[in-house]
Amino acid sequence: MARLQAYRAVVVGKRRGSRHGPPAKIFVNTRRLTFAAVAFLFACMTCTAGYAESGAFAGLAGNWSGGGTITLDDGSTERVRCRATYAVRADGNAINQTLTCASDSFKFNLASNVIAHGAALSGTWSESIRNAGGNLEGRGGGGSFQVIASGPGFTANISLTTRGNKQSVVIRSEGAFRVTSISLTRS
């Protein structure tokens, strides 16, 4: 019995035989309030992070890089290196994207702004080297997107699939390049 009382006293933080006086009660209450405040802030941060990760573009934010192949209009293929950056709005339903790719004879700088309304996607795109641009429309969510990019004299089907830190991008068009297939990894 004495051993049990000594154990409880150690757990509670007092010595055997001591009593909590007014200063000790204030300390214990302050410690409890501090713990409650920290727990509340942690819960709020967790809720905010979860909310930000709940939209159509959840899990895309950050810098990505990798490579693949590009098939030119004459049928030849070249290796291509790419870098992408995704800035996702806090609610996860809007994204600003930049994609820069280069091969031995070809380079493009693509930028897009896309908004999700449920599974429907819409936005704009621009390519700075050729001074081209247009609209984007498609569907997607949960890491898988199918989009059609159109502009004066240009149409492309874009498929983007993300699983964790790996991403696959396939662009099919009737322009200077026919197919671009890229694998990216988040850095």
C-alpha atoms as a PDB file:
ATOM      1  CA  MET A   1       0.000   0.000   0.000  1.00  0.00           C
ATOM      2  CA  ALA A   2       2.813   2.422   0.898  1.00  0.00           C
ATOM      3  CA  ARG A   3       4.528   1.566  -2.373  1.00  0.00           C
ATOM      4  CA  LEU A   4       1.306   2.365  -4.326  1.00  0.00           C
ATOM      5  CA  GLN A   5       1.010   5.751  -2.546  1.00  0.00           C
ATOM      6  CA  ALA A   6       4.660   6.537  -3.357  1.00  0.00           C
ATOM      7  CA  TYR A   7       4.092   5.617  -7.027  1.00  0.00           C
ATOM      8  CA  ARG A   8       0.973   7.817  -7.268  1.00  0.00           C
ATOM      9  CA  ALA A   9       2.836  10.671  -5.607  1.00  0.00           C
ATOM     10  CA  VAL A  10       5.630  10.449  -8.185  1.00  0.00           C
ATOM     11  CA  VAL A  11       3.153  10.363 -11.081  1.00  0.00           C
ATOM     12  CA  VAL A  12       1.222  13.348  -9.752  1.00  0.00           C
ATOM     13  CA  GLY A  13       4.486  15.191  -9.159  1.00  0.00           C
ATOM     14  CA  LYS A  14       4.473  15.583  -5.406  1.00  0.00           C
ATOM     15  CA  ARG A  15       6.510  14.064  -2.657  1.00  0.00           C
ATOM     16  CA  ARG A  16       5.029  11.646  -0.184  1.00  0.00           C
ATOM     17  CA  GLY A  17       3.290  13.443   2.593  1.00  0.00           C
ATOM     18  CA  SER A  18       3.191  16.851   0.838  1.00  0.00           C
ATOM     19  CA  ARG A  19      -0.009  18.718   0.135  1.00  0.00           C
ATOM     20  CA  HIS A  20      -0.833  21.006  -2.686  1.00  0.00           C
ATOM     21  CA  GLY A  21      -0.917  24.565  -1.462  1.00  0.00           C
ATOM     22  CA  PRO A  22      -2.312  27.525  -3.443  1.00  0.00           C
ATOM     23  CA  PRO A  23       0.932  28.095  -5.479  1.00  0.00           C
ATOM     24  CA  ALA A  24       1.048  24.414  -6.481  1.00  0.00           C
ATOM     25  CA  LYS A  25      -2.605  24.495  -7.621  1.00  0.00           C
ATOM     26  CA  ILE A  26      -1.916  27.549  -9.794  1.00  0.00           C
ATOM     27  CA  PHE A  27       1.058  25.776 -11.383  1.00  0.00           C
ATOM     28  CA  VAL A  28      -0.987  22.627 -12.095  1.00  0.00           C
ATOM     29  CA  ASN A  29      -3.871  24.664 -13.562  1.00  0.00           C
ATOM     30  CA  THR A  30      -1.499  26.741 -15.699  1.00  0.00           C
ATOM     31  CA  ARG A  31       0.136  23.581 -16.982  1.00  0.00           C
ATOM     32  CA  ARG A  32      -3.278  22.117 -17.860  1.00  0.00           C
ATOM     33  CA  LEU A  33      -4.347  25.293 -19.674  1.00  0.00           C
ATOM     34  CA  THR A  34      -1.068  25.410 -21.598  1.00  0.00           C
ATOM     35  CA  PHE A  35      -1.492  21.782 -22.647  1.00  0.00           C
ATOM     36  CA  ALA A  36      -5.097  22.458 -23.714  1.00  0.00           C
ATOM     37  CA  ALA A  37      -4.018  25.502 -25.770  1.00  0.00           C
ATOM     38  CA  VAL A  38      -1.248  23.540 -27.520  1.00  0.00           C
ATOM     39  CA  ALA A  39      -3.647  20.662 -28.231  1.00  0.00           C
ATOM     40  CA  PHE A  40      -6.204  23.108 -29.665  1.00  0.00           C
ATOM     41  CA  LEU A  41      -3.609  24.789 -31.940  1.00  0.00           C
ATOM     42  CA  PHE A  42      -2.354  21.407 -33.148  1.00  0.00           C
ATOM     43  CA  ALA A  43      -5.920  20.345 -33.927  1.00  0.00           C
ATOM     44  CA  CYS A  44      -6.516  23.584 -35.859  1.00  0.00           C
ATOM     45  CA  MET A  45      -3.329  23.155 -37.905  1.00  0.00           C
ATOM     46  CA  THR A  46      -4.266  19.569 -38.676  1.00  0.00           C
ATOM     47  CA  CYS A  47      -7.752  20.641 -39.769  1.00  0.00           C
ATOM     48  CA  THR A  48      -6.310  23.379 -41.996  1.00  0.00           C
ATOM     49  CA  ALA A  49      -3.824  20.993 -43.613  1.00  0.00           C
ATOM     50  CA  GLY A  50      -6.576  18.445 -44.160  1.00  0.00           C
ATOM     51  CA  TYR A  51      -8.823  21.085 -45.715  1.00  0.00           C
ATOM     52  CA  ALA A  52      -6.055  22.214 -48.054  1.00  0.00           C
ATOM     53  CA  GLU A  53      -5.531  18.626 -49.104  1.00  0.00           C
ATOM     54  CA  SER A  54      -9.196  17.969 -49.887  1.00  0.00           C
ATOM     55  CA  GLY A  55      -9.655  19.697 -53.268  1.00  0.00           C
ATOM     56  CA  ALA A  56      -9.250  18.399 -56.806  1.00  0.00           C
ATOM     57  CA  PHE A  57      -5.556  19.327 -56.891  1.00  0.00           C
ATOM     58  CA  ALA A  58      -4.678  17.876 -53.473  1.00  0.00           C
ATOM     59  CA  GLY A  59      -1.162  16.494 -53.338  1.00  0.00           C
ATOM     60  CA  LEU A  60       0.182  18.308 -56.417  1.00  0.00           C
ATOM     61  CA  ALA A  61       1.850  21.336 -54.801  1.00  0.00           C
ATOM     62  CA  GLY A  62       5.606  21.628 -55.133  1.00  0.00           C
ATOM     63  CA  ASN A  63       8.479  21.240 -57.572  1.00  0.00           C
ATOM     64  CA  TRP A  64       8.673  18.243 -59.893  1.00  0.00           C
ATOM     65  CA  SER A  65      11.347  17.165 -62.375  1.00  0.00           C
ATOM     66  CA  GLY A  66      12.090  14.299 -64.699  1.00  0.00           C
ATOM     67  CA  GLY A  67      12.134  13.358 -68.331  1.00  0.00           C
ATOM     68  CA  GLY A  68      10.706  11.321 -71.125  1.00  0.00           C
ATOM     69  CA  THR A  69      10.368  11.372 -74.884  1.00  0.00           C
ATOM     70  CA  ILE A  70       8.939  13.717 -77.445  1.00  0.00           C
ATOM     71  CA  THR A  71       7.805  12.540 -80.887  1.00  0.00           C
ATOM     72  CA  LEU A  72       8.173  15.300 -83.479  1.00  0.00           C
ATOM     73  CA  ASP A  73       5.891  15.836 -86.487  1.00  0.00           C
ATOM     74  CA  ASP A  74       8.366  14.021 -88.789  1.00  0.00           C
ATOM     75  CA  GLY A  75       8.088  10.874 -86.617  1.00  0.00           C
ATOM     76  CA  SER A  76      11.527  11.160 -84.994  1.00  0.00           C
ATOM     77  CA  THR A  77      11.822  10.914 -81.207  1.00  0.00           C
ATOM     78  CA  GLU A  78      14.073  12.750 -78.791  1.00  0.00           C
ATOM     79  CA  ARG A  79      14.752  12.557 -75.084  1.00  0.00           C
ATOM     80  CA  VAL A  80      13.332  15.481 -73.142  1.00  0.00           C
ATOM     81  CA  ARG A  81      14.049  16.878 -69.639  1.00  0.00           C
ATOM     82  CA  CYS A  82      11.338  18.743 -67.738  1.00  0.00           C
ATOM     83  CA  ARG A  83      10.676  20.809 -64.632  1.00  0.00           C
ATOM     84  CA  ALA A  84       7.237  21.603 -63.272  1.00  0.00           C
ATOM     85  CA  THR A  85       6.005  23.759 -60.420  1.00  0.00           C
ATOM     86  CA  TYR A  86       2.501  23.595 -58.998  1.00  0.00           C
ATOM     87  CA  ALA A  87       1.078  26.259 -56.671  1.00  0.00           C
ATOM     88  CA  VAL A  88      -2.211  25.021 -55.206  1.00  0.00           C
ATOM     89  CA  ARG A  89      -4.760  27.355 -53.608  1.00  0.00           C
ATOM     90  CA  ALA A  90      -5.483  26.661 -49.916  1.00  0.00           C
ATOM     91  CA  ASP A  91      -8.827  24.964 -50.633  1.00  0.00           C
ATOM     92  CA  GLY A  92      -7.175  22.666 -53.202  1.00  0.00           C
ATOM     93  CA  ASN A  93      -9.517  23.692 -56.046  1.00  0.00           C
ATOM     94  CA  ALA A  94      -7.260  26.026 -58.053  1.00  0.00           C
ATOM     95  CA  ILE A  95      -3.751  25.584 -59.387  1.00  0.00           C
ATOM     96  CA  ASN A  96      -1.077  27.635 -61.136  1.00  0.00           C
ATOM     97  CA  GLN A  97       1.296  25.407 -63.077  1.00  0.00           C
ATOM     98  CA  THR A  98       4.481  25.950 -65.025  1.00  0.00           C
ATOM     99  CA  LEU A  99       6.130  23.262 -67.146  1.00  0.00           C
ATOM    100  CA  THR A 100       9.446  23.760 -68.951  1.00  0.00           C
ATOM    101  CA  CYS A 101      10.758  20.998 -71.211  1.00  0.00           C
ATOM    102  CA  ALA A 102      13.760  20.837 -73.534  1.00  0.00           C
ATOM    103  CA  SER A 103      15.210  18.302 -75.957  1.00  0.00           C
ATOM    104  CA  ASP A 104      18.151  18.656 -78.353  1.00  0.00           C
ATOM    105  CA  SER A 105      16.051  20.583 -80.886  1.00  0.00           C
ATOM    106  CA  PHE A 106      12.858  21.565 -79.089  1.00  0.00           C
ATOM    107  CA  LYS A 107      11.880  23.622 -76.050  1.00  0.00           C
ATOM    108  CA  PHE A 108       8.586  24.806 -74.591  1.00  0.00           C
ATOM    109  CA  ASN A 109       7.524  26.854 -71.551  1.00  0.00           C
ATOM    110  CA  LEU A 110       3.936  26.128 -70.633  1.00  0.00           C
ATOM    111  CA  ALA A 111       1.996  27.970 -67.932  1.00  0.00           C
ATOM    112  CA  SER A 112      -1.591  27.327 -66.906  1.00  0.00           C
ATOM    113  CA  ASN A 113      -4.177  28.456 -64.382  1.00  0.00           C
ATOM    114  CA  VAL A 114      -6.938  25.955 -63.712  1.00  0.00           C
ATOM    115  CA  ILE A 115      -9.980  25.974 -61.426  1.00  0.00           C
ATOM    116  CA  ALA A 116     -11.993  22.928 -60.414  1.00  0.00           C
ATOM    117  CA  HIS A 117     -15.760  23.038 -59.980  1.00  0.00           C
ATOM    118  CA  GLY A 118     -16.368  19.545 -58.652  1.00  0.00           C
ATOM    119  CA  ALA A 119     -14.878  17.229 -61.282  1.00  0.00           C
ATOM    120  CA  ALA A 120     -15.117  19.871 -64.068  1.00  0.00           C
ATOM    121  CA  LEU A 121     -11.901  21.772 -64.847  1.00  0.00           C
ATOM    122  CA  SER A 122     -11.508  25.053 -66.727  1.00  0.00           C
ATOM    123  CA  GLY A 123      -8.762  27.585 -67.182  1.00  0.00           C
ATOM    124  CA  THR A 124      -6.207  29.174 -69.454  1.00  0.00           C
ATOM    125  CA  TRP A 125      -2.764  28.238 -70.771  1.00  0.00           C
ATOM    126  CA  SER A 126       0.107  30.050 -72.452  1.00  0.00           C
ATOM    127  CA  GLU A 127       3.362  29.022 -74.086  1.00  0.00           C
ATOM    128  CA  SER A 128       5.942  31.815 -73.983  1.00  0.00           C
ATOM    129  CA  ILE A 129       8.429  30.706 -76.673  1.00  0.00           C
ATOM    130  CA  ARG A 130       5.809  30.538 -79.440  1.00  0.00           C
ATOM    131  CA  ASN A 131       3.629  33.293 -77.941  1.00  0.00           C
ATOM    132  CA  ALA A 132       0.607  30.991 -77.987  1.00  0.00           C
ATOM    133  CA  GLY A 133      -2.252  30.548 -75.578  1.00  0.00           C
ATOM    134  CA  GLY A 134      -5.811  29.508 -75.142  1.00  0.00           C
ATOM    135  CA  ASN A 135      -8.303  27.729 -72.939  1.00  0.00           C
ATOM    136  CA  LEU A 136      -8.327  24.488 -70.983  1.00  0.00           C
ATOM    137  CA  GLU A 137     -11.340  22.283 -70.286  1.00  0.00           C
ATOM    138  CA  GLY A 138     -11.580  18.837 -68.845  1.00  0.00           C
ATOM    139  CA  ARG A 139     -12.386  16.603 -65.933  1.00  0.00           C
ATOM    140  CA  GLY A 140     -10.464  15.161 -63.061  1.00  0.00           C
ATOM    141  CA  GLY A 141      -9.650  14.806 -59.428  1.00  0.00           C
ATOM    142  CA  GLY A 142      -7.983  12.376 -57.088  1.00  0.00           C
ATOM    143  CA  GLY A 143      -4.699  12.610 -58.981  1.00  0.00           C
ATOM    144  CA  SER A 144      -6.056  11.848 -62.465  1.00  0.00           C
ATOM    145  CA  PHE A 145      -6.860  14.582 -64.999  1.00  0.00           C
ATOM    146  CA  GLN A 146      -7.945  14.602 -68.661  1.00  0.00           C
ATOM    147  CA  VAL A 147      -7.771  18.057 -70.261  1.00  0.00           C
ATOM    148  CA  ILE A 148      -8.108  19.527 -73.743  1.00  0.00           C
ATOM    149  CA  ALA A 149      -5.978  22.611 -74.415  1.00  0.00           C
ATOM    150  CA  SER A 150      -7.121  24.668 -77.377  1.00  0.00           C
ATOM    151  CA  GLY A 151      -6.021  27.884 -79.023  1.00  0.00           C
ATOM    152  CA  PRO A 152      -5.720  29.422 -82.485  1.00  0.00           C
ATOM    153  CA  GLY A 153      -4.431  26.619 -84.726  1.00  0.00           C
ATOM    154  CA  PHE A 154      -3.642  24.281 -81.814  1.00  0.00           C
ATOM    155  CA  THR A 155      -5.401  21.520 -79.906  1.00  0.00           C
ATOM    156  CA  ALA A 156      -3.826  19.070 -77.476  1.00  0.00           C
ATOM    157  CA  ASN A 157      -5.118  16.296 -75.255  1.00  0.00           C
ATOM    158  CA  ILE A 158      -3.327  16.246 -71.905  1.00  0.00           C
ATOM    159  CA  SER A 159      -3.455  13.358 -69.474  1.00  0.00           C
ATOM    160  CA  LEU A 160      -1.904  13.796 -66.032  1.00  0.00           C
ATOM    161  CA  THR A 161      -1.784  11.067 -63.387  1.00  0.00           C
ATOM    162  CA  THR A 162      -0.231  11.470 -59.932  1.00  0.00           C
ATOM    163  CA  ARG A 163       0.416   8.737 -57.395  1.00  0.00           C
ATOM    164  CA  GLY A 164       2.289   9.968 -54.315  1.00  0.00           C
ATOM    165  CA  ASN A 165       5.525  11.620 -55.480  1.00  0.00           C
ATOM    166  CA  LYS A 166       5.357  10.196 -59.030  1.00  0.00           C
ATOM    167  CA  GLN A 167       3.577  11.847 -61.913  1.00  0.00           C
ATOM    168  CA  SER A 168       2.958  10.905 -65.538  1.00  0.00           C
ATOM    169  CA  VAL A 169       2.115  13.533 -68.178  1.00  0.00           C
ATOM    170  CA  VAL A 170       1.132  12.660 -71.753  1.00  0.00           C
ATOM    171  CA  ILE A 171       0.478  15.430 -74.299  1.00  0.00           C
ATOM    172  CA  ARG A 172      -0.933  14.519 -77.728  1.00  0.00           C
ATOM    173  CA  SER A 173      -1.245  17.207 -80.401  1.00  0.00           C
ATOM    174  CA  GLU A 174      -1.227  17.880 -84.127  1.00  0.00           C
ATOM    175  CA  GLY A 175       1.417  20.619 -83.931  1.00  0.00           C
ATOM    176  CA  ALA A 176       5.231  20.556 -84.107  1.00  0.00           C
ATOM    177  CA  PHE A 177       5.230  17.612 -81.744  1.00  0.00           C
ATOM    178  CA  ARG A 178       2.833  14.678 -81.842  1.00  0.00           C
ATOM    179  CA  VAL A 179       3.299  13.022 -78.455  1.00  0.00           C
ATOM    180  CA  THR A 180       5.190  14.000 -75.353  1.00  0.00           C
ATOM    181  CA  SER A 181       5.412  11.432 -72.592  1.00  0.00           C
ATOM    182  CA  ILE A 182       6.987  12.618 -69.328  1.00  0.00           C
ATOM    183  CA  SER A 183       7.588  11.012 -65.930  1.00  0.00           C
ATOM    184  CA  LEU A 184       8.152  13.441 -63.052  1.00  0.00           C
ATOM    185  CA  THR A 185       9.170  13.031 -59.420  1.00  0.00           C
ATOM    186  CA  ARG A 186       8.500  15.591 -56.693  1.00  0.00           C
ATOM    187  CA  SER A 187      11.696  17.033 -55.228  1.00  0.00           C
END
